[in-house]
């Protein structure tokens, strides 16, 4: 249901359609188990299993099992954390980086075909990418204005 706030409506649609696009790409490309972890390591660098779980929104045991599967495939490896011999960081191996590149190329081909079939242009996609990149650029989320907060119960 549309509200009286176009920014809020479009923002909601952006999240909905971005998530649907990701699910479509995953289904069509049969992305390997743990692909998100490879992507997170590419984005954040070497990090521990607990931090990976936090970033992915899953439990530490679930992430530990995912990392073990990726180690078994040779896509990631663990190494002692500098300055803390009790902890280990997970890092992408060359094989993991190759798999990440392969999967991203398949994703690009899938989305490019969808864009071409839709009649949109490379410039349209560049604008969408610029918006998403700008939204994700901040390391700390900006405060949500009260007028956009979903639990805003002000009375006027």
N, C-alpha and C. Protein backbone atom coordinates (compact mmCIF):
# COMPACT_ATOMS: atom_id res chain seq x y z
N UNK A 1 0.84 -1.17 0.00
CA UNK A 1 0.00 0.00 0.00
C UNK A 1 0.89 1.24 0.00
N UNK A 2 0.60 2.14 -0.90
CA UNK A 2 1.38 3.36 -1.02
C UNK A 2 1.04 4.33 0.11
N UNK A 3 2.07 5.04 0.54
CA UNK A 3 1.87 6.06 1.57
C UNK A 3 1.88 7.43 0.89
N UNK A 4 1.86 8.45 1.70
CA UNK A 4 1.94 9.81 1.16
C UNK A 4 3.39 10.26 1.03
N UNK A 5 4.32 9.35 1.18
CA UNK A 5 5.74 9.69 1.15
C UNK A 5 6.42 8.90 0.03
N UNK A 6 6.62 9.51 -1.13
CA UNK A 6 7.23 8.79 -2.26
C UNK A 6 8.63 8.25 -1.96
N UNK A 7 9.44 9.00 -1.19
CA UNK A 7 10.78 8.51 -0.86
C UNK A 7 10.69 7.20 -0.08
N UNK A 8 9.82 7.17 0.89
CA UNK A 8 9.64 5.95 1.68
C UNK A 8 9.12 4.80 0.81
N UNK A 9 8.16 5.07 -0.04
CA UNK A 9 7.61 4.04 -0.93
C UNK A 9 8.69 3.49 -1.86
N UNK A 10 9.43 4.38 -2.50
CA UNK A 10 10.47 3.94 -3.43
C UNK A 10 11.60 3.21 -2.69
N UNK A 11 11.90 3.67 -1.48
CA UNK A 11 12.94 3.01 -0.69
C UNK A 11 12.53 1.58 -0.34
N UNK A 12 11.28 1.41 0.01
CA UNK A 12 10.77 0.06 0.29
C UNK A 12 10.86 -0.81 -0.96
N UNK A 13 10.43 -0.26 -2.08
CA UNK A 13 10.48 -1.01 -3.34
C UNK A 13 11.92 -1.37 -3.71
N UNK A 14 12.86 -0.46 -3.46
CA UNK A 14 14.26 -0.73 -3.76
C UNK A 14 14.74 -1.97 -3.03
N UNK A 15 14.43 -2.05 -1.74
CA UNK A 15 14.84 -3.21 -0.95
C UNK A 15 14.16 -4.48 -1.45
N UNK A 16 12.87 -4.40 -1.69
CA UNK A 16 12.11 -5.58 -2.15
C UNK A 16 12.66 -6.09 -3.48
N UNK A 17 12.83 -5.21 -4.44
CA UNK A 17 13.27 -5.65 -5.77
C UNK A 17 14.75 -6.04 -5.80
N UNK A 18 15.57 -5.40 -4.99
CA UNK A 18 16.98 -5.82 -4.90
C UNK A 18 17.06 -7.24 -4.35
N UNK A 19 16.28 -7.52 -3.31
CA UNK A 19 16.27 -8.88 -2.73
C UNK A 19 15.75 -9.89 -3.73
N UNK A 20 14.69 -9.54 -4.46
CA UNK A 20 14.15 -10.46 -5.46
C UNK A 20 15.15 -10.72 -6.58
N UNK A 21 15.87 -9.67 -6.99
CA UNK A 21 16.89 -9.85 -8.03
C UNK A 21 17.98 -10.79 -7.54
N UNK A 22 18.42 -10.62 -6.32
CA UNK A 22 19.46 -11.49 -5.76
C UNK A 22 18.97 -12.94 -5.74
N UNK A 23 17.74 -13.17 -5.29
CA UNK A 23 17.20 -14.54 -5.26
C UNK A 23 17.11 -15.12 -6.67
N UNK A 24 16.70 -14.32 -7.64
CA UNK A 24 16.61 -14.78 -9.02
C UNK A 24 17.99 -15.18 -9.55
N UNK A 25 18.97 -14.33 -9.31
CA UNK A 25 20.34 -14.62 -9.77
C UNK A 25 20.86 -15.89 -9.10
N UNK A 26 20.63 -16.04 -7.79
CA UNK A 26 21.08 -17.24 -7.08
C UNK A 26 20.47 -18.50 -7.67
N UNK A 27 19.15 -18.44 -7.94
CA UNK A 27 18.47 -19.62 -8.51
C UNK A 27 19.01 -19.95 -9.89
N UNK A 28 19.16 -18.95 -10.72
CA UNK A 28 19.58 -19.19 -12.11
C UNK A 28 21.04 -19.64 -12.21
N UNK A 29 21.87 -19.19 -11.29
CA UNK A 29 23.29 -19.51 -11.39
C UNK A 29 23.74 -20.60 -10.44
N UNK A 30 22.82 -21.11 -9.63
CA UNK A 30 23.14 -22.18 -8.69
C UNK A 30 24.47 -21.88 -7.99
N UNK A 31 24.48 -20.75 -7.29
CA UNK A 31 25.70 -20.31 -6.61
C UNK A 31 26.15 -21.35 -5.60
N UNK A 32 27.46 -21.51 -5.45
CA UNK A 32 27.97 -22.54 -4.55
C UNK A 32 27.64 -22.24 -3.09
N UNK A 33 27.51 -23.28 -2.27
CA UNK A 33 27.31 -23.04 -0.84
C UNK A 33 28.45 -22.17 -0.30
N UNK A 34 28.09 -21.21 0.52
CA UNK A 34 29.11 -20.36 1.12
C UNK A 34 29.54 -19.19 0.26
N UNK A 35 28.88 -18.99 -0.88
CA UNK A 35 29.27 -17.89 -1.76
C UNK A 35 29.27 -16.56 -1.01
N UNK A 36 28.27 -16.36 -0.13
CA UNK A 36 28.20 -15.11 0.63
C UNK A 36 29.47 -14.91 1.45
N UNK A 37 30.00 -16.00 1.99
CA UNK A 37 31.21 -15.90 2.82
C UNK A 37 32.40 -15.46 1.97
N UNK A 38 32.52 -16.01 0.77
CA UNK A 38 33.60 -15.58 -0.13
C UNK A 38 33.48 -14.09 -0.40
N UNK A 39 32.26 -13.64 -0.64
CA UNK A 39 32.03 -12.23 -0.92
C UNK A 39 32.34 -11.35 0.29
N UNK A 40 31.95 -11.82 1.48
CA UNK A 40 32.24 -11.04 2.69
C UNK A 40 33.74 -10.95 2.94
N UNK A 41 34.47 -12.03 2.70
CA UNK A 41 35.92 -11.99 2.88
C UNK A 41 36.56 -11.05 1.87
N UNK A 42 36.03 -11.02 0.66
CA UNK A 42 36.53 -10.10 -0.35
C UNK A 42 36.29 -8.65 0.09
N UNK A 43 35.14 -8.40 0.70
CA UNK A 43 34.79 -7.06 1.14
C UNK A 43 35.53 -6.63 2.40
N UNK A 44 35.65 -7.54 3.38
CA UNK A 44 36.17 -7.17 4.71
C UNK A 44 37.59 -7.63 4.98
N UNK A 45 38.14 -8.47 4.14
CA UNK A 45 39.48 -9.00 4.39
C UNK A 45 39.43 -10.16 5.36
N UNK A 46 40.57 -10.54 5.86
CA UNK A 46 40.68 -11.67 6.77
C UNK A 46 39.98 -11.35 8.09
N UNK A 47 39.03 -12.20 8.47
CA UNK A 47 38.30 -12.01 9.72
C UNK A 47 37.96 -13.35 10.32
N UNK A 48 37.61 -13.34 11.59
CA UNK A 48 37.29 -14.57 12.30
C UNK A 48 35.88 -15.07 12.02
N UNK A 49 35.65 -16.32 12.41
CA UNK A 49 34.36 -16.97 12.20
C UNK A 49 33.24 -16.22 12.94
N UNK A 50 33.51 -15.78 14.15
CA UNK A 50 32.47 -15.07 14.91
C UNK A 50 32.05 -13.80 14.20
N UNK A 51 33.01 -13.05 13.69
CA UNK A 51 32.68 -11.81 12.97
C UNK A 51 31.94 -12.12 11.67
N UNK A 52 32.35 -13.18 10.97
CA UNK A 52 31.64 -13.59 9.76
C UNK A 52 30.18 -13.90 10.08
N UNK A 53 29.96 -14.61 11.20
CA UNK A 53 28.59 -14.94 11.61
C UNK A 53 27.78 -13.67 11.88
N UNK A 54 28.41 -12.71 12.54
CA UNK A 54 27.72 -11.44 12.82
C UNK A 54 27.34 -10.73 11.52
N UNK A 55 28.27 -10.68 10.58
CA UNK A 55 28.02 -10.01 9.31
C UNK A 55 26.93 -10.71 8.51
N UNK A 56 26.87 -12.03 8.63
CA UNK A 56 25.90 -12.81 7.86
C UNK A 56 24.56 -12.96 8.57
N UNK A 57 24.54 -12.63 9.85
CA UNK A 57 23.30 -12.76 10.61
C UNK A 57 22.94 -14.20 10.92
N UNK A 58 23.96 -15.02 11.15
CA UNK A 58 23.71 -16.42 11.50
C UNK A 58 24.46 -16.75 12.79
N UNK A 59 24.26 -17.96 13.27
CA UNK A 59 24.95 -18.35 14.50
C UNK A 59 26.41 -18.70 14.22
N UNK A 60 27.21 -18.64 15.26
CA UNK A 60 28.62 -19.01 15.13
C UNK A 60 28.77 -20.47 14.70
N UNK A 61 28.01 -21.42 15.27
CA UNK A 61 28.15 -22.81 14.81
C UNK A 61 27.77 -22.99 13.33
N UNK A 62 26.76 -22.26 12.87
CA UNK A 62 26.38 -22.35 11.46
C UNK A 62 27.51 -21.83 10.58
N UNK A 63 28.09 -20.69 10.96
CA UNK A 63 29.18 -20.13 10.17
C UNK A 63 30.40 -21.04 10.23
N UNK A 64 30.67 -21.61 11.38
CA UNK A 64 31.81 -22.51 11.51
C UNK A 64 31.67 -23.69 10.54
N UNK A 65 30.46 -24.24 10.44
CA UNK A 65 30.23 -25.35 9.51
C UNK A 65 30.39 -24.89 8.07
N UNK A 66 29.92 -23.70 7.76
CA UNK A 66 30.07 -23.16 6.40
C UNK A 66 31.54 -22.98 6.05
N UNK A 67 32.29 -22.41 6.99
CA UNK A 67 33.73 -22.20 6.76
C UNK A 67 34.43 -23.54 6.58
N UNK A 68 34.08 -24.53 7.37
CA UNK A 68 34.69 -25.86 7.24
C UNK A 68 34.45 -26.40 5.83
N UNK A 69 33.24 -26.25 5.31
CA UNK A 69 32.95 -26.69 3.95
C UNK A 69 33.78 -25.94 2.92
N UNK A 70 33.99 -24.66 3.13
CA UNK A 70 34.81 -23.86 2.21
C UNK A 70 36.28 -24.24 2.31
N UNK A 71 36.74 -24.57 3.52
CA UNK A 71 38.12 -25.05 3.69
C UNK A 71 38.29 -26.36 2.93
N UNK A 72 37.30 -27.26 3.06
CA UNK A 72 37.35 -28.55 2.37
C UNK A 72 37.42 -28.38 0.85
N UNK A 73 36.78 -27.35 0.33
CA UNK A 73 36.81 -27.08 -1.12
C UNK A 73 38.11 -26.36 -1.54
N UNK A 74 38.85 -25.88 -0.55
CA UNK A 74 40.07 -25.15 -0.86
C UNK A 74 39.85 -23.69 -1.19
N UNK A 75 38.65 -23.17 -0.90
CA UNK A 75 38.33 -21.78 -1.25
C UNK A 75 38.71 -20.80 -0.16
N UNK A 76 38.82 -21.25 1.07
CA UNK A 76 39.30 -20.42 2.16
C UNK A 76 40.27 -21.24 2.99
N UNK A 77 41.05 -20.54 3.79
CA UNK A 77 41.96 -21.20 4.74
C UNK A 77 41.94 -20.39 6.02
N UNK A 78 42.35 -21.04 7.09
CA UNK A 78 42.46 -20.35 8.38
C UNK A 78 43.93 -20.18 8.70
N UNK A 79 44.23 -19.06 9.35
CA UNK A 79 45.60 -18.84 9.82
C UNK A 79 45.52 -18.14 11.17
N UNK A 80 46.52 -18.36 12.02
CA UNK A 80 46.50 -17.72 13.34
C UNK A 80 46.40 -16.20 13.21
N UNK A 81 45.63 -15.62 14.10
CA UNK A 81 45.49 -14.16 14.11
C UNK A 81 46.74 -13.55 14.71
N UNK A 82 47.34 -12.59 14.03
CA UNK A 82 48.53 -11.94 14.57
C UNK A 82 48.25 -11.35 15.95
N UNK A 83 49.07 -11.67 16.91
CA UNK A 83 48.93 -11.13 18.25
C UNK A 83 47.99 -11.90 19.15
N UNK A 84 47.32 -12.94 18.63
CA UNK A 84 46.40 -13.74 19.44
C UNK A 84 46.43 -15.18 18.93
N UNK A 85 47.34 -15.95 19.46
CA UNK A 85 47.55 -17.32 18.98
C UNK A 85 46.33 -18.21 19.19
N UNK A 86 45.40 -17.82 20.07
CA UNK A 86 44.21 -18.63 20.31
C UNK A 86 43.16 -18.45 19.22
N UNK A 87 43.23 -17.37 18.48
CA UNK A 87 42.22 -17.05 17.47
C UNK A 87 42.77 -17.29 16.07
N UNK A 88 41.84 -17.55 15.15
CA UNK A 88 42.22 -17.74 13.74
C UNK A 88 41.37 -16.84 12.88
N UNK A 89 41.96 -16.36 11.82
CA UNK A 89 41.23 -15.59 10.82
C UNK A 89 41.05 -16.45 9.58
N UNK A 90 39.95 -16.21 8.90
CA UNK A 90 39.64 -16.91 7.66
C UNK A 90 40.05 -15.99 6.51
N UNK A 91 40.65 -16.55 5.48
CA UNK A 91 41.02 -15.74 4.33
C UNK A 91 40.75 -16.49 3.04
N UNK A 92 40.52 -15.72 1.99
CA UNK A 92 40.31 -16.29 0.66
C UNK A 92 41.60 -16.88 0.13
N UNK A 93 41.51 -18.06 -0.45
CA UNK A 93 42.66 -18.62 -1.15
C UNK A 93 42.59 -18.18 -2.61
N UNK A 94 43.62 -18.49 -3.37
CA UNK A 94 43.58 -18.18 -4.81
C UNK A 94 42.41 -18.91 -5.47
N UNK A 95 42.17 -20.15 -5.06
CA UNK A 95 41.05 -20.92 -5.63
C UNK A 95 39.71 -20.28 -5.26
N UNK A 96 39.60 -19.75 -4.04
CA UNK A 96 38.38 -19.07 -3.62
C UNK A 96 38.16 -17.80 -4.40
N UNK A 97 39.23 -17.05 -4.63
CA UNK A 97 39.11 -15.82 -5.42
C UNK A 97 38.72 -16.15 -6.86
N UNK A 98 39.26 -17.24 -7.39
CA UNK A 98 38.88 -17.67 -8.74
C UNK A 98 37.41 -18.04 -8.80
N UNK A 99 36.91 -18.76 -7.78
CA UNK A 99 35.49 -19.14 -7.73
C UNK A 99 34.61 -17.90 -7.59
N UNK A 100 35.03 -16.96 -6.78
CA UNK A 100 34.27 -15.73 -6.60
C UNK A 100 34.19 -14.97 -7.93
N UNK A 101 35.29 -14.88 -8.64
CA UNK A 101 35.32 -14.21 -9.94
C UNK A 101 34.42 -14.93 -10.94
N UNK A 102 34.45 -16.26 -10.94
CA UNK A 102 33.62 -17.05 -11.85
C UNK A 102 32.14 -16.79 -11.56
N UNK A 103 31.77 -16.85 -10.29
CA UNK A 103 30.37 -16.66 -9.91
C UNK A 103 29.90 -15.24 -10.22
N UNK A 104 30.74 -14.26 -9.96
CA UNK A 104 30.37 -12.88 -10.25
C UNK A 104 30.20 -12.66 -11.76
N UNK A 105 31.01 -13.31 -12.55
CA UNK A 105 30.88 -13.22 -14.00
C UNK A 105 29.56 -13.83 -14.46
N UNK A 106 29.19 -14.97 -13.88
CA UNK A 106 27.91 -15.59 -14.20
C UNK A 106 26.76 -14.68 -13.77
N UNK A 107 26.88 -14.06 -12.60
CA UNK A 107 25.86 -13.12 -12.13
C UNK A 107 25.71 -11.95 -13.10
N UNK A 108 26.84 -11.42 -13.55
CA UNK A 108 26.83 -10.29 -14.47
C UNK A 108 26.13 -10.67 -15.78
N UNK A 109 26.43 -11.85 -16.29
CA UNK A 109 25.80 -12.30 -17.54
C UNK A 109 24.29 -12.44 -17.36
N UNK A 110 23.88 -12.98 -16.23
CA UNK A 110 22.44 -13.15 -15.96
C UNK A 110 21.74 -11.80 -15.89
N UNK A 111 22.30 -10.87 -15.13
CA UNK A 111 21.67 -9.56 -14.98
C UNK A 111 21.71 -8.80 -16.29
N UNK A 112 22.81 -8.88 -17.03
CA UNK A 112 22.90 -8.19 -18.32
C UNK A 112 21.82 -8.69 -19.27
N UNK A 113 21.56 -9.99 -19.27
CA UNK A 113 20.51 -10.54 -20.12
C UNK A 113 19.13 -10.03 -19.68
N UNK A 114 18.91 -9.97 -18.37
CA UNK A 114 17.63 -9.45 -17.87
C UNK A 114 17.45 -7.97 -18.23
N UNK A 115 18.53 -7.20 -18.11
CA UNK A 115 18.48 -5.78 -18.46
C UNK A 115 18.19 -5.61 -19.94
N UNK A 116 18.89 -6.36 -20.78
CA UNK A 116 18.68 -6.25 -22.23
C UNK A 116 17.24 -6.62 -22.59
N UNK A 117 16.71 -7.65 -21.97
CA UNK A 117 15.34 -8.08 -22.26
C UNK A 117 14.31 -7.07 -21.77
N UNK A 118 14.66 -6.30 -20.75
CA UNK A 118 13.71 -5.34 -20.17
C UNK A 118 13.65 -4.04 -20.95
N UNK A 119 14.63 -3.80 -21.81
CA UNK A 119 14.67 -2.55 -22.56
C UNK A 119 15.41 -1.43 -21.84
N UNK A 120 15.90 -1.71 -20.64
CA UNK A 120 16.70 -0.69 -19.95
C UNK A 120 18.09 -0.64 -20.57
N UNK A 121 18.83 0.41 -20.25
CA UNK A 121 20.14 0.62 -20.85
C UNK A 121 21.25 0.48 -19.81
N UNK A 122 22.47 0.45 -20.31
CA UNK A 122 23.63 0.43 -19.42
C UNK A 122 23.65 1.68 -18.55
N UNK A 123 23.19 2.81 -19.08
CA UNK A 123 23.12 4.04 -18.28
C UNK A 123 22.13 3.90 -17.13
N UNK A 124 20.99 3.24 -17.38
CA UNK A 124 20.02 2.99 -16.31
C UNK A 124 20.64 2.16 -15.21
N UNK A 125 21.38 1.12 -15.59
CA UNK A 125 22.03 0.25 -14.61
C UNK A 125 23.10 1.03 -13.86
N UNK A 126 23.86 1.87 -14.58
CA UNK A 126 24.89 2.67 -13.92
C UNK A 126 24.28 3.58 -12.86
N UNK A 127 23.12 4.14 -13.13
CA UNK A 127 22.44 4.98 -12.14
C UNK A 127 22.04 4.15 -10.93
N UNK A 128 21.47 2.98 -11.17
CA UNK A 128 21.07 2.10 -10.06
C UNK A 128 22.28 1.71 -9.22
N UNK A 129 23.38 1.38 -9.87
CA UNK A 129 24.60 1.01 -9.16
C UNK A 129 25.11 2.19 -8.34
N UNK A 130 25.09 3.37 -8.91
CA UNK A 130 25.56 4.56 -8.18
C UNK A 130 24.72 4.79 -6.93
N UNK A 131 23.42 4.63 -7.03
CA UNK A 131 22.56 4.81 -5.87
C UNK A 131 22.90 3.77 -4.80
N UNK A 132 22.98 2.50 -5.19
CA UNK A 132 23.30 1.45 -4.22
C UNK A 132 24.68 1.65 -3.61
N UNK A 133 25.65 2.02 -4.42
CA UNK A 133 27.01 2.24 -3.90
C UNK A 133 27.01 3.38 -2.90
N UNK A 134 26.31 4.47 -3.20
CA UNK A 134 26.26 5.61 -2.29
C UNK A 134 25.57 5.22 -0.98
N UNK A 135 24.52 4.42 -1.06
CA UNK A 135 23.82 4.00 0.15
C UNK A 135 24.71 3.14 1.05
N UNK A 136 25.57 2.35 0.43
CA UNK A 136 26.42 1.44 1.19
C UNK A 136 27.76 2.05 1.58
N UNK A 137 28.05 3.24 1.08
CA UNK A 137 29.37 3.85 1.28
C UNK A 137 29.66 4.21 2.73
N UNK A 138 28.66 4.57 3.46
CA UNK A 138 28.89 4.99 4.84
C UNK A 138 29.25 3.80 5.71
N UNK A 139 30.24 3.97 6.55
CA UNK A 139 30.62 2.88 7.45
C UNK A 139 29.68 2.78 8.63
N UNK A 140 29.05 3.87 8.98
CA UNK A 140 28.05 3.88 10.04
C UNK A 140 26.72 4.30 9.42
N UNK A 141 25.67 3.59 9.75
CA UNK A 141 24.39 3.99 9.17
C UNK A 141 23.96 5.37 9.67
N UNK A 142 23.39 6.11 8.76
CA UNK A 142 22.87 7.43 9.12
C UNK A 142 21.63 7.26 9.98
N UNK A 143 21.39 8.17 10.89
CA UNK A 143 20.16 8.06 11.67
C UNK A 143 18.94 8.14 10.76
N UNK A 144 17.93 7.37 11.09
CA UNK A 144 16.69 7.38 10.32
C UNK A 144 15.86 8.57 10.78
N UNK A 145 15.50 9.46 9.86
CA UNK A 145 14.65 10.59 10.25
C UNK A 145 13.36 10.09 10.86
N UNK A 146 12.87 10.78 11.87
CA UNK A 146 11.65 10.35 12.56
C UNK A 146 10.49 10.16 11.60
N UNK A 147 10.43 10.97 10.57
CA UNK A 147 9.31 10.87 9.62
C UNK A 147 9.36 9.59 8.80
N UNK A 148 10.52 8.93 8.75
CA UNK A 148 10.65 7.69 8.00
C UNK A 148 10.68 6.46 8.88
N UNK A 149 10.76 6.65 10.18
CA UNK A 149 10.89 5.52 11.10
C UNK A 149 9.61 4.70 11.10
N UNK A 150 9.71 3.36 10.92
CA UNK A 150 8.50 2.54 10.82
C UNK A 150 7.69 2.50 12.09
N UNK A 151 8.28 2.81 13.22
CA UNK A 151 7.57 2.74 14.49
C UNK A 151 7.19 4.11 15.01
N UNK A 152 7.20 5.08 14.10
CA UNK A 152 6.88 6.45 14.47
C UNK A 152 5.43 6.52 14.93
N UNK A 153 5.23 6.84 16.21
CA UNK A 153 3.89 6.89 16.77
C UNK A 153 3.58 8.29 17.28
N UNK A 154 4.19 9.28 16.66
CA UNK A 154 3.92 10.65 17.07
C UNK A 154 2.46 10.99 16.82
N UNK A 155 1.95 11.81 17.65
CA UNK A 155 0.61 12.34 17.42
C UNK A 155 0.71 13.83 17.20
N UNK A 156 -0.03 14.33 16.26
CA UNK A 156 0.02 15.76 16.01
C UNK A 156 -1.36 16.33 15.97
